[in-house]
Amino acid sequence: MTLRTKHMSDQIPVPAASNTFERIKRVSPEGNESWSARDLARVLEYTNFRNFIAVIAKALEACTNSGHAVSDHIVESNEMVSIGSGAQRPVEDWQLSRYAA
């Protein structure tokens, strides 16, 4: 068995800015990145967000089963959305780490 030397082509490519997953990433003022569960549901073409909640439950279970602290990867939040009258109302959302997403 012979060992190969590492070449540029062996490196894992850095995600392109045109990658949808990277485009919907949110970065806090502190530099922490997260993904909105609602944004992910839209990208994955879920027509009803309530159907995506099962996916979030699986992510919670995966974090727990792998020994990761759920609170480090999945944080429940509220997002304000505009309604027809110009007013806003809160809707449930979750901020997901790269691992959870």
PDB file of N, CA and C in Angstrom:
ATOM      1  N   MET A   1       0.846  -1.177   0.000  1.00  0.00           N
ATOM      2  CA  MET A   1       0.000   0.000   0.000  1.00  0.00           C
ATOM      3  C   MET A   1       0.889   1.238   0.000  1.00  0.00           C
ATOM      4  N   THR A   2       0.615   2.145  -0.880  1.00  0.00           N
ATOM      5  CA  THR A   2       1.394   3.375  -0.952  1.00  0.00           C
ATOM      6  C   THR A   2       0.531   4.542  -0.512  1.00  0.00           C
ATOM      7  N   LEU A   3       1.163   5.504   0.116  1.00  0.00           N
ATOM      8  CA  LEU A   3       0.462   6.703   0.555  1.00  0.00           C
ATOM      9  C   LEU A   3       0.544   7.756  -0.528  1.00  0.00           C
ATOM     10  N   ARG A   4      -0.547   8.402  -0.771  1.00  0.00           N
ATOM     11  CA  ARG A   4      -0.562   9.499  -1.738  1.00  0.00           C
ATOM     12  C   ARG A   4      -0.312  10.806  -1.013  1.00  0.00           C
ATOM     13  N   THR A   5       0.307  11.710  -1.684  1.00  0.00           N
ATOM     14  CA  THR A   5       0.451  13.047  -1.111  1.00  0.00           C
ATOM     15  C   THR A   5      -0.815  13.828  -1.409  1.00  0.00           C
ATOM     16  N   LYS A   6      -1.101  14.771  -0.558  1.00  0.00           N
ATOM     17  CA  LYS A   6      -2.311  15.585  -0.749  1.00  0.00           C
ATOM     18  C   LYS A   6      -2.094  16.568  -1.896  1.00  0.00           C
ATOM     19  N   HIS A   7      -3.071  16.615  -2.757  1.00  0.00           N
ATOM     20  CA  HIS A   7      -3.076  17.572  -3.860  1.00  0.00           C
ATOM     21  C   HIS A   7      -4.250  18.508  -3.670  1.00  0.00           C
ATOM     22  N   MET A   8      -4.238  19.610  -4.360  1.00  0.00           N
ATOM     23  CA  MET A   8      -5.339  20.563  -4.276  1.00  0.00           C
ATOM     24  C   MET A   8      -6.676  19.881  -4.589  1.00  0.00           C
ATOM     25  N   SER A   9      -6.676  18.924  -5.514  1.00  0.00           N
ATOM     26  CA  SER A   9      -7.924  18.280  -5.905  1.00  0.00           C
ATOM     27  C   SER A   9      -8.474  17.371  -4.805  1.00  0.00           C
ATOM     28  N   ASP A  10      -7.648  17.027  -3.799  1.00  0.00           N
ATOM     29  CA  ASP A  10      -8.094  16.175  -2.700  1.00  0.00           C
ATOM     30  C   ASP A  10      -8.803  16.965  -1.603  1.00  0.00           C
ATOM     31  N   GLN A  11      -8.713  18.266  -1.649  1.00  0.00           N
ATOM     32  CA  GLN A  11      -9.299  19.075  -0.596  1.00  0.00           C
ATOM     33  C   GLN A  11     -10.816  19.182  -0.778  1.00  0.00           C
ATOM     34  N   ILE A  12     -11.505  19.264   0.333  1.00  0.00           N
ATOM     35  CA  ILE A  12     -12.951  19.451   0.296  1.00  0.00           C
ATOM     36  C   ILE A  12     -13.217  20.886  -0.139  1.00  0.00           C
ATOM     37  N   PRO A  13     -14.075  21.069  -1.124  1.00  0.00           N
ATOM     38  CA  PRO A  13     -14.327  22.435  -1.607  1.00  0.00           C
ATOM     39  C   PRO A  13     -15.063  23.284  -0.581  1.00  0.00           C
ATOM     40  N   VAL A  14     -14.744  24.550  -0.551  1.00  0.00           N
ATOM     41  CA  VAL A  14     -15.435  25.513   0.308  1.00  0.00           C
ATOM     42  C   VAL A  14     -16.788  25.784  -0.330  1.00  0.00           C
ATOM     43  N   PRO A  15     -17.869  25.832   0.458  1.00  0.00           N
ATOM     44  CA  PRO A  15     -19.187  26.085  -0.118  1.00  0.00           C
ATOM     45  C   PRO A  15     -19.212  27.388  -0.907  1.00  0.00           C
ATOM     46  N   ALA A  16     -19.797  27.334  -2.076  1.00  0.00           N
ATOM     47  CA  ALA A  16     -19.891  28.519  -2.924  1.00  0.00           C
ATOM     48  C   ALA A  16     -20.983  29.436  -2.397  1.00  0.00           C
ATOM     49  N   ALA A  17     -20.803  30.727  -2.615  1.00  0.00           N
ATOM     50  CA  ALA A  17     -21.800  31.700  -2.169  1.00  0.00           C
ATOM     51  C   ALA A  17     -23.131  31.494  -2.887  1.00  0.00           C
ATOM     52  N   SER A  18     -23.094  30.850  -4.056  1.00  0.00           N
ATOM     53  CA  SER A  18     -24.323  30.614  -4.802  1.00  0.00           C
ATOM     54  C   SER A  18     -25.083  29.393  -4.261  1.00  0.00           C
ATOM     55  N   ASN A  19     -24.486  28.657  -3.331  1.00  0.00           N
ATOM     56  CA  ASN A  19     -25.128  27.509  -2.704  1.00  0.00           C
ATOM     57  C   ASN A  19     -26.315  28.014  -1.888  1.00  0.00           C
ATOM     58  N   THR A  20     -27.495  27.461  -2.139  1.00  0.00           N
ATOM     59  CA  THR A  20     -28.717  27.922  -1.457  1.00  0.00           C
ATOM     60  C   THR A  20     -28.577  27.846   0.053  1.00  0.00           C
ATOM     61  N   PHE A  21     -28.018  26.758   0.559  1.00  0.00           N
ATOM     62  CA  PHE A  21     -27.841  26.586   1.998  1.00  0.00           C
ATOM     63  C   PHE A  21     -27.012  27.728   2.575  1.00  0.00           C
ATOM     64  N   GLU A  22     -25.941  28.091   1.905  1.00  0.00           N
ATOM     65  CA  GLU A  22     -25.086  29.185   2.378  1.00  0.00           C
ATOM     66  C   GLU A  22     -25.769  30.535   2.219  1.00  0.00           C
ATOM     67  N   ARG A  23     -26.580  30.694   1.192  1.00  0.00           N
ATOM     68  CA  ARG A  23     -27.273  31.970   0.962  1.00  0.00           C
ATOM     69  C   ARG A  23     -28.285  32.276   2.047  1.00  0.00           C
ATOM     70  N   ILE A  24     -28.932  31.247   2.622  1.00  0.00           N
ATOM     71  CA  ILE A  24     -29.949  31.514   3.648  1.00  0.00           C
ATOM     72  C   ILE A  24     -29.370  31.548   5.061  1.00  0.00           C
ATOM     73  N   LYS A  25     -28.071  31.385   5.159  1.00  0.00           N
ATOM     74  CA  LYS A  25     -27.394  31.443   6.461  1.00  0.00           C
ATOM     75  C   LYS A  25     -27.560  32.832   7.060  1.00  0.00           C
ATOM     76  N   ARG A  26     -27.751  32.860   8.368  1.00  0.00           N
ATOM     77  CA  ARG A  26     -27.808  34.118   9.107  1.00  0.00           C
ATOM     78  C   ARG A  26     -26.578  34.191   9.996  1.00  0.00           C
ATOM     79  N   VAL A  27     -25.997  35.367  10.079  1.00  0.00           N
ATOM     80  CA  VAL A  27     -24.797  35.551  10.906  1.00  0.00           C
ATOM     81  C   VAL A  27     -25.090  36.655  11.913  1.00  0.00           C
ATOM     82  N   SER A  28     -24.915  36.336  13.200  1.00  0.00           N
ATOM     83  CA  SER A  28     -25.166  37.313  14.255  1.00  0.00           C
ATOM     84  C   SER A  28     -24.040  38.347  14.280  1.00  0.00           C
ATOM     85  N   PRO A  29     -24.257  39.460  14.965  1.00  0.00           N
ATOM     86  CA  PRO A  29     -23.188  40.460  15.095  1.00  0.00           C
ATOM     87  C   PRO A  29     -21.910  39.874  15.713  1.00  0.00           C
ATOM     88  N   GLU A  30     -22.060  38.798  16.516  1.00  0.00           N
ATOM     89  CA  GLU A  30     -20.903  38.156  17.137  1.00  0.00           C
ATOM     90  C   GLU A  30     -20.209  37.172  16.189  1.00  0.00           C
ATOM     91  N   GLY A  31     -20.791  36.964  15.001  1.00  0.00           N
ATOM     92  CA  GLY A  31     -20.193  36.060  14.027  1.00  0.00           C
ATOM     93  C   GLY A  31     -20.712  34.630  14.079  1.00  0.00           C
ATOM     94  N   ASN A  32     -21.738  34.366  14.910  1.00  0.00           N
ATOM     95  CA  ASN A  32     -22.313  33.028  14.992  1.00  0.00           C
ATOM     96  C   ASN A  32     -23.265  32.814  13.821  1.00  0.00           C
ATOM     97  N   GLU A  33     -23.144  31.663  13.160  1.00  0.00           N
ATOM     98  CA  GLU A  33     -24.025  31.394  12.034  1.00  0.00           C
ATOM     99  C   GLU A  33     -25.164  30.470  12.455  1.00  0.00           C
ATOM    100  N   SER A  34     -26.323  30.672  11.826  1.00  0.00           N
ATOM    101  CA  SER A  34     -27.485  29.830  12.093  1.00  0.00           C
ATOM    102  C   SER A  34     -28.372  29.840  10.858  1.00  0.00           C
ATOM    103  N   TRP A  35     -29.314  28.901  10.859  1.00  0.00           N
ATOM    104  CA  TRP A  35     -30.288  28.795   9.785  1.00  0.00           C
ATOM    105  C   TRP A  35     -31.676  28.792  10.398  1.00  0.00           C
ATOM    106  N   SER A  36     -32.578  29.533   9.815  1.00  0.00           N
ATOM    107  CA  SER A  36     -33.967  29.565  10.257  1.00  0.00           C
ATOM    108  C   SER A  36     -34.658  28.294   9.752  1.00  0.00           C
ATOM    109  N   ALA A  37     -35.383  27.623  10.636  1.00  0.00           N
ATOM    110  CA  ALA A  37     -36.135  26.438  10.224  1.00  0.00           C
ATOM    111  C   ALA A  37     -37.160  26.821   9.151  1.00  0.00           C
ATOM    112  N   ARG A  38     -37.753  27.996   9.268  1.00  0.00           N
ATOM    113  CA  ARG A  38     -38.731  28.433   8.258  1.00  0.00           C
ATOM    114  C   ARG A  38     -38.067  28.632   6.899  1.00  0.00           C
ATOM    115  N   ASP A  39     -36.869  29.214   6.884  1.00  0.00           N
ATOM    116  CA  ASP A  39     -36.149  29.378   5.617  1.00  0.00           C
ATOM    117  C   ASP A  39     -35.824  28.016   5.007  1.00  0.00           C
ATOM    118  N   LEU A  40     -35.349  27.085   5.849  1.00  0.00           N
ATOM    119  CA  LEU A  40     -35.031  25.748   5.351  1.00  0.00           C
ATOM    120  C   LEU A  40     -36.269  25.046   4.804  1.00  0.00           C
ATOM    121  N   ALA A  41     -37.386  25.184   5.492  1.00  0.00           N
ATOM    122  CA  ALA A  41     -38.624  24.551   5.030  1.00  0.00           C
ATOM    123  C   ALA A  41     -39.006  25.067   3.640  1.00  0.00           C
ATOM    124  N   ARG A  42     -38.859  26.367   3.418  1.00  0.00           N
ATOM    125  CA  ARG A  42     -39.169  26.939   2.100  1.00  0.00           C
ATOM    126  C   ARG A  42     -38.229  26.389   1.029  1.00  0.00           C
ATOM    127  N   VAL A  43     -36.941  26.358   1.334  1.00  0.00           N
ATOM    128  CA  VAL A  43     -35.948  25.862   0.377  1.00  0.00           C
ATOM    129  C   VAL A  43     -36.211  24.393   0.035  1.00  0.00           C
ATOM    130  N   LEU A  44     -36.632  23.626   1.038  1.00  0.00           N
ATOM    131  CA  LEU A  44     -36.905  22.205   0.826  1.00  0.00           C
ATOM    132  C   LEU A  44     -38.323  21.966   0.300  1.00  0.00           C
ATOM    133  N   GLU A  45     -39.015  23.045  -0.016  1.00  0.00           N
ATOM    134  CA  GLU A  45     -40.326  23.029  -0.661  1.00  0.00           C
ATOM    135  C   GLU A  45     -41.428  22.382   0.173  1.00  0.00           C
ATOM    136  N   TYR A  46     -41.384  22.605   1.485  1.00  0.00           N
ATOM    137  CA  TYR A  46     -42.501  22.213   2.339  1.00  0.00           C
ATOM    138  C   TYR A  46     -43.595  23.255   2.141  1.00  0.00           C
ATOM    139  N   THR A  47     -44.797  22.829   1.821  1.00  0.00           N
ATOM    140  CA  THR A  47     -45.882  23.786   1.591  1.00  0.00           C
ATOM    141  C   THR A  47     -46.499  24.267   2.896  1.00  0.00           C
ATOM    142  N   ASN A  48     -46.428  23.454   3.941  1.00  0.00           N
ATOM    143  CA  ASN A  48     -46.940  23.838   5.259  1.00  0.00           C
ATOM    144  C   ASN A  48     -45.841  23.655   6.295  1.00  0.00           C
ATOM    145  N   PHE A  49     -45.548  24.719   7.025  1.00  0.00           N
ATOM    146  CA  PHE A  49     -44.479  24.645   8.022  1.00  0.00           C
ATOM    147  C   PHE A  49     -44.772  23.608   9.092  1.00  0.00           C
ATOM    148  N   ARG A  50     -46.033  23.400   9.414  1.00  0.00           N
ATOM    149  CA  ARG A  50     -46.375  22.407  10.445  1.00  0.00           C
ATOM    150  C   ARG A  50     -45.851  21.017  10.075  1.00  0.00           C
ATOM    151  N   ASN A  51     -45.708  20.731   8.777  1.00  0.00           N
ATOM    152  CA  ASN A  51     -45.151  19.448   8.349  1.00  0.00           C
ATOM    153  C   ASN A  51     -43.637  19.379   8.582  1.00  0.00           C
ATOM    154  N   PHE A  52     -42.994  20.523   8.648  1.00  0.00           N
ATOM    155  CA  PHE A  52     -41.547  20.580   8.863  1.00  0.00           C
ATOM    156  C   PHE A  52     -41.196  20.401  10.338  1.00  0.00           C
ATOM    157  N   ILE A  53     -42.162  20.584  11.219  1.00  0.00           N
ATOM    158  CA  ILE A  53     -41.908  20.439  12.653  1.00  0.00           C
ATOM    159  C   ILE A  53     -41.420  19.023  12.977  1.00  0.00           C
ATOM    160  N   ALA A  54     -41.890  18.019  12.232  1.00  0.00           N
ATOM    161  CA  ALA A  54     -41.406  16.639  12.421  1.00  0.00           C
ATOM    162  C   ALA A  54     -39.918  16.535  12.101  1.00  0.00           C
ATOM    163  N   VAL A  55     -39.456  17.303  11.143  1.00  0.00           N
ATOM    164  CA  VAL A  55     -38.024  17.314  10.792  1.00  0.00           C
ATOM    165  C   VAL A  55     -37.219  17.920  11.942  1.00  0.00           C
ATOM    166  N   ILE A  56     -37.737  18.975  12.545  1.00  0.00           N
ATOM    167  CA  ILE A  56     -37.072  19.597  13.693  1.00  0.00           C
ATOM    168  C   ILE A  56     -37.008  18.605  14.851  1.00  0.00           C
ATOM    169  N   ALA A  57     -38.085  17.859  15.060  1.00  0.00           N
ATOM    170  CA  ALA A  57     -38.105  16.846  16.127  1.00  0.00           C
ATOM    171  C   ALA A  57     -37.021  15.793  15.884  1.00  0.00           C
ATOM    172  N   LYS A  58     -36.820  15.422  14.630  1.00  0.00           N
ATOM    173  CA  LYS A  58     -35.758  14.446  14.305  1.00  0.00           C
ATOM    174  C   LYS A  58     -34.377  15.042  14.565  1.00  0.00           C
ATOM    175  N   ALA A  59     -34.212  16.329  14.287  1.00  0.00           N
ATOM    176  CA  ALA A  59     -32.934  16.993  14.563  1.00  0.00           C
ATOM    177  C   ALA A  59     -32.673  17.038  16.069  1.00  0.00           C
ATOM    178  N   LEU A  60     -33.717  17.300  16.850  1.00  0.00           N
ATOM    179  CA  LEU A  60     -33.585  17.278  18.318  1.00  0.00           C
ATOM    180  C   LEU A  60     -33.148  15.890  18.792  1.00  0.00           C
ATOM    181  N   GLU A  61     -33.775  14.878  18.255  1.00  0.00           N
ATOM    182  CA  GLU A  61     -33.445  13.498  18.624  1.00  0.00           C
ATOM    183  C   GLU A  61     -32.018  13.140  18.209  1.00  0.00           C
ATOM    184  N   ALA A  62     -31.622  13.557  17.019  1.00  0.00           N
ATOM    185  CA  ALA A  62     -30.262  13.270  16.545  1.00  0.00           C
ATOM    186  C   ALA A  62     -29.215  13.931  17.433  1.00  0.00           C
ATOM    187  N   CYS A  63     -29.469  15.182  17.844  1.00  0.00           N
ATOM    188  CA  CYS A  63     -28.538  15.874  18.753  1.00  0.00           C
ATOM    189  C   CYS A  63     -28.409  15.098  20.060  1.00  0.00           C
ATOM    190  N   THR A  64     -29.539  14.721  20.612  1.00  0.00           N
ATOM    191  CA  THR A  64     -29.548  13.993  21.879  1.00  0.00           C
ATOM    192  C   THR A  64     -28.816  12.662  21.752  1.00  0.00           C
ATOM    193  N   ASN A  65     -29.136  11.910  20.703  1.00  0.00           N
ATOM    194  CA  ASN A  65     -28.536  10.586  20.517  1.00  0.00           C
ATOM    195  C   ASN A  65     -27.034  10.641  20.255  1.00  0.00           C
ATOM    196  N   SER A  66     -26.562  11.742  19.692  1.00  0.00           N
ATOM    197  CA  SER A  66     -25.132  11.855  19.400  1.00  0.00           C
ATOM    198  C   SER A  66     -24.347  12.481  20.549  1.00  0.00           C
ATOM    199  N   GLY A  67     -25.051  12.827  21.639  1.00  0.00           N
ATOM    200  CA  GLY A  67     -24.372  13.384  22.800  1.00  0.00           C
ATOM    201  C   GLY A  67     -24.134  14.879  22.749  1.00  0.00           C
ATOM    202  N   HIS A  68     -24.679  15.543  21.730  1.00  0.00           N
ATOM    203  CA  HIS A  68     -24.542  17.001  21.637  1.00  0.00           C
ATOM    204  C   HIS A  68     -25.604  17.668  22.496  1.00  0.00           C
ATOM    205  N   ALA A  69     -25.274  18.800  23.050  1.00  0.00           N
ATOM    206  CA  ALA A  69     -26.252  19.575  23.816  1.00  0.00           C
ATOM    207  C   ALA A  69     -27.226  20.223  22.842  1.00  0.00           C
ATOM    208  N   VAL A  70     -28.491  19.885  22.968  1.00  0.00           N
ATOM    209  CA  VAL A  70     -29.510  20.414  22.063  1.00  0.00           C
ATOM    210  C   VAL A  70     -29.483  21.936  22.066  1.00  0.00           C
ATOM    211  N   SER A  71     -29.324  22.542  23.229  1.00  0.00           N
ATOM    212  CA  SER A  71     -29.341  24.006  23.331  1.00  0.00           C
ATOM    213  C   SER A  71     -28.189  24.675  22.576  1.00  0.00           C
ATOM    214  N   ASP A  72     -27.150  23.910  22.235  1.00  0.00           N
ATOM    215  CA  ASP A  72     -26.048  24.453  21.433  1.00  0.00           C
ATOM    216  C   ASP A  72     -26.383  24.471  19.949  1.00  0.00           C
ATOM    217  N   HIS A  73     -27.415  23.739  19.553  1.00  0.00           N
ATOM    218  CA  HIS A  73     -27.692  23.564  18.133  1.00  0.00           C
ATOM    219  C   HIS A  73     -29.095  23.956  17.680  1.00  0.00           C
ATOM    220  N   ILE A  74     -30.045  23.971  18.611  1.00  0.00           N
ATOM    221  CA  ILE A  74     -31.431  24.278  18.242  1.00  0.00           C
ATOM    222  C   ILE A  74     -32.018  25.213  19.296  1.00  0.00           C
ATOM    223  N   VAL A  75     -32.416  26.401  18.865  1.00  0.00           N
ATOM    224  CA  VAL A  75     -32.963  27.393  19.781  1.00  0.00           C
ATOM    225  C   VAL A  75     -34.309  27.859  19.234  1.00  0.00           C
ATOM    226  N   GLU A  76     -35.348  27.703  20.054  1.00  0.00           N
ATOM    227  CA  GLU A  76     -36.667  28.167  19.644  1.00  0.00           C
ATOM    228  C   GLU A  76     -36.676  29.693  19.636  1.00  0.00           C
ATOM    229  N   SER A  77     -37.333  30.261  18.644  1.00  0.00           N
ATOM    230  CA  SER A  77     -37.400  31.716  18.543  1.00  0.00           C
ATOM    231  C   SER A  77     -38.740  32.123  17.946  1.00  0.00           C
ATOM    232  N   ASN A  78     -39.003  33.395  17.949  1.00  0.00           N
ATOM    233  CA  ASN A  78     -40.182  33.947  17.290  1.00  0.00           C
ATOM    234  C   ASN A  78     -39.703  34.907  16.223  1.00  0.00           C
ATOM    235  N   GLU A  79     -40.408  34.906  15.135  1.00  0.00           N
ATOM    236  CA  GLU A  79     -40.088  35.782  14.022  1.00  0.00           C
ATOM    237  C   GLU A  79     -41.319  36.646  13.769  1.00  0.00           C
ATOM    238  N   MET A  80     -41.133  37.918  13.535  1.00  0.00           N
ATOM    239  CA  MET A  80     -42.264  38.798  13.252  1.00  0.00           C
ATOM    240  C   MET A  80     -42.522  38.793  11.749  1.00  0.00           C
ATOM    241  N   VAL A  81     -43.787  38.582  11.381  1.00  0.00           N
ATOM    242  CA  VAL A  81     -44.166  38.601   9.971  1.00  0.00           C
ATOM    243  C   VAL A  81     -45.286  39.615   9.773  1.00  0.00           C
ATOM    244  N   SER A  82     -45.301  40.207   8.594  1.00  0.00           N
ATOM    245  CA  SER A  82     -46.344  41.182   8.266  1.00  0.00           C
ATOM    246  C   SER A  82     -47.627  40.449   7.904  1.00  0.00           C
ATOM    247  N   ILE A  83     -48.751  41.034   8.327  1.00  0.00           N
ATOM    248  CA  ILE A  83     -50.052  40.504   7.941  1.00  0.00           C
ATOM    249  C   ILE A  83     -50.747  41.549   7.079  1.00  0.00           C
ATOM    250  N   GLY A  84     -51.836  41.201   6.465  1.00  0.00           N
ATOM    251  CA  GLY A  84     -52.505  42.046   5.477  1.00  0.00           C
ATOM    252  C   GLY A  84     -52.717  43.491   5.865  1.00  0.00           C
ATOM    253  N   SER A  85     -53.003  43.773   7.110  1.00  0.00           N
ATOM    254  CA  SER A  85     -53.312  45.144   7.527  1.00  0.00           C
ATOM    255  C   SER A  85     -52.069  46.005   7.732  1.00  0.00           C
ATOM    256  N   GLY A  86     -50.901  45.443   7.490  1.00  0.00           N
ATOM    257  CA  GLY A  86     -49.663  46.178   7.716  1.00  0.00           C
ATOM    258  C   GLY A  86     -49.102  45.958   9.107  1.00  0.00           C
ATOM    259  N   ALA A  87     -49.880  45.327   9.959  1.00  0.00           N
ATOM    260  CA  ALA A  87     -49.409  44.996  11.309  1.00  0.00           C
ATOM    261  C   ALA A  87     -48.493  43.780  11.230  1.00  0.00           C
ATOM    262  N   GLN A  88     -47.872  43.454  12.334  1.00  0.00           N
ATOM    263  CA  GLN A  88     -47.009  42.286  12.401  1.00  0.00           C
ATOM    264  C   GLN A  88     -47.472  41.378  13.522  1.00  0.00           C
ATOM    265  N   ARG A  89     -47.190  40.087  13.354  1.00  0.00           N
ATOM    266  CA  ARG A  89     -47.506  39.122  14.404  1.00  0.00           C
ATOM    267  C   ARG A  89     -46.349  38.137  14.514  1.00  0.00           C
ATOM    268  N   PRO A  90     -46.160  37.586  15.702  1.00  0.00           N
ATOM    269  CA  PRO A  90     -45.064  36.623  15.879  1.00  0.00           C
ATOM    270  C   PRO A  90     -45.467  35.235  15.367  1.00  0.00           C
ATOM    271  N   VAL A  91     -44.507  34.530  14.762  1.00  0.00           N
ATOM    272  CA  VAL A  91     -44.687  33.132  14.368  1.00  0.00           C
ATOM    273  C   VAL A  91     -43.512  32.342  14.934  1.00  0.00           C
ATOM    274  N   GLU A  92     -43.772  31.080  15.274  1.00  0.00           N
ATOM    275  CA  GLU A  92     -42.706  30.273  15.855  1.00  0.00           C
ATOM    276  C   GLU A  92     -41.676  29.910  14.787  1.00  0.00           C
ATOM    277  N   ASP A  93     -40.435  29.824  15.231  1.00  0.00           N
ATOM    278  CA  ASP A  93     -39.320  29.450  14.365  1.00  0.00           C
ATOM    279  C   ASP A  93     -38.270  28.815  15.254  1.00  0.00           C
ATOM    280  N   TRP A  94     -37.273  28.235  14.666  1.00  0.00           N
ATOM    281  CA  TRP A  94     -36.133  27.686  15.383  1.00  0.00           C
ATOM    282  C   TRP A  94     -34.887  28.122  14.648  1.00  0.00           C
ATOM    283  N   GLN A  95     -33.871  28.497  15.404  1.00  0.00           N
ATOM    284  CA  GLN A  95     -32.568  28.811  14.828  1.00  0.00           C
ATOM    285  C   GLN A  95     -31.718  27.556  14.984  1.00  0.00           C
ATOM    286  N   LEU A  96     -31.166  27.100  13.883  1.00  0.00           N
ATOM    287  CA  LEU A  96     -30.430  25.841  13.844  1.00  0.00           C
ATOM    288  C   LEU A  96     -28.963  26.088  13.550  1.00  0.00           C
ATOM    289  N   SER A  97     -28.100  25.356  14.229  1.00  0.00           N
ATOM    290  CA  SER A  97     -26.672  25.406  13.909  1.00  0.00           C
ATOM    291  C   SER A  97     -26.449  24.654  12.599  1.00  0.00           C
ATOM    292  N   ARG A  98     -25.256  24.745  12.068  1.00  0.00           N
ATOM    293  CA  ARG A  98     -24.916  23.987  10.862  1.00  0.00           C
ATOM    294  C   ARG A  98     -25.142  22.500  11.097  1.00  0.00           C
ATOM    295  N   TYR A  99     -24.770  22.004  12.266  1.00  0.00           N
ATOM    296  CA  TYR A  99     -24.940  20.596  12.597  1.00  0.00           C
ATOM    297  C   TYR A  99     -26.419  20.209  12.567  1.00  0.00           C
ATOM    298  N   ALA A 100     -27.269  21.005  13.191  1.00  0.00           N
ATOM    299  CA  ALA A 100     -28.701  20.695  13.243  1.00  0.00           C
ATOM    300  C   ALA A 100     -29.360  20.840  11.875  1.00  0.00           C
ATOM    301  N   ALA A 101     -28.919  21.829  11.136  1.00  0.00           N
ATOM    302  CA  ALA A 101     -29.512  22.062   9.807  1.00  0.00           C
ATOM    303  C   ALA A 101     -29.126  20.946   8.871  1.00  0.00           C
TER     304      ALA A 101
END
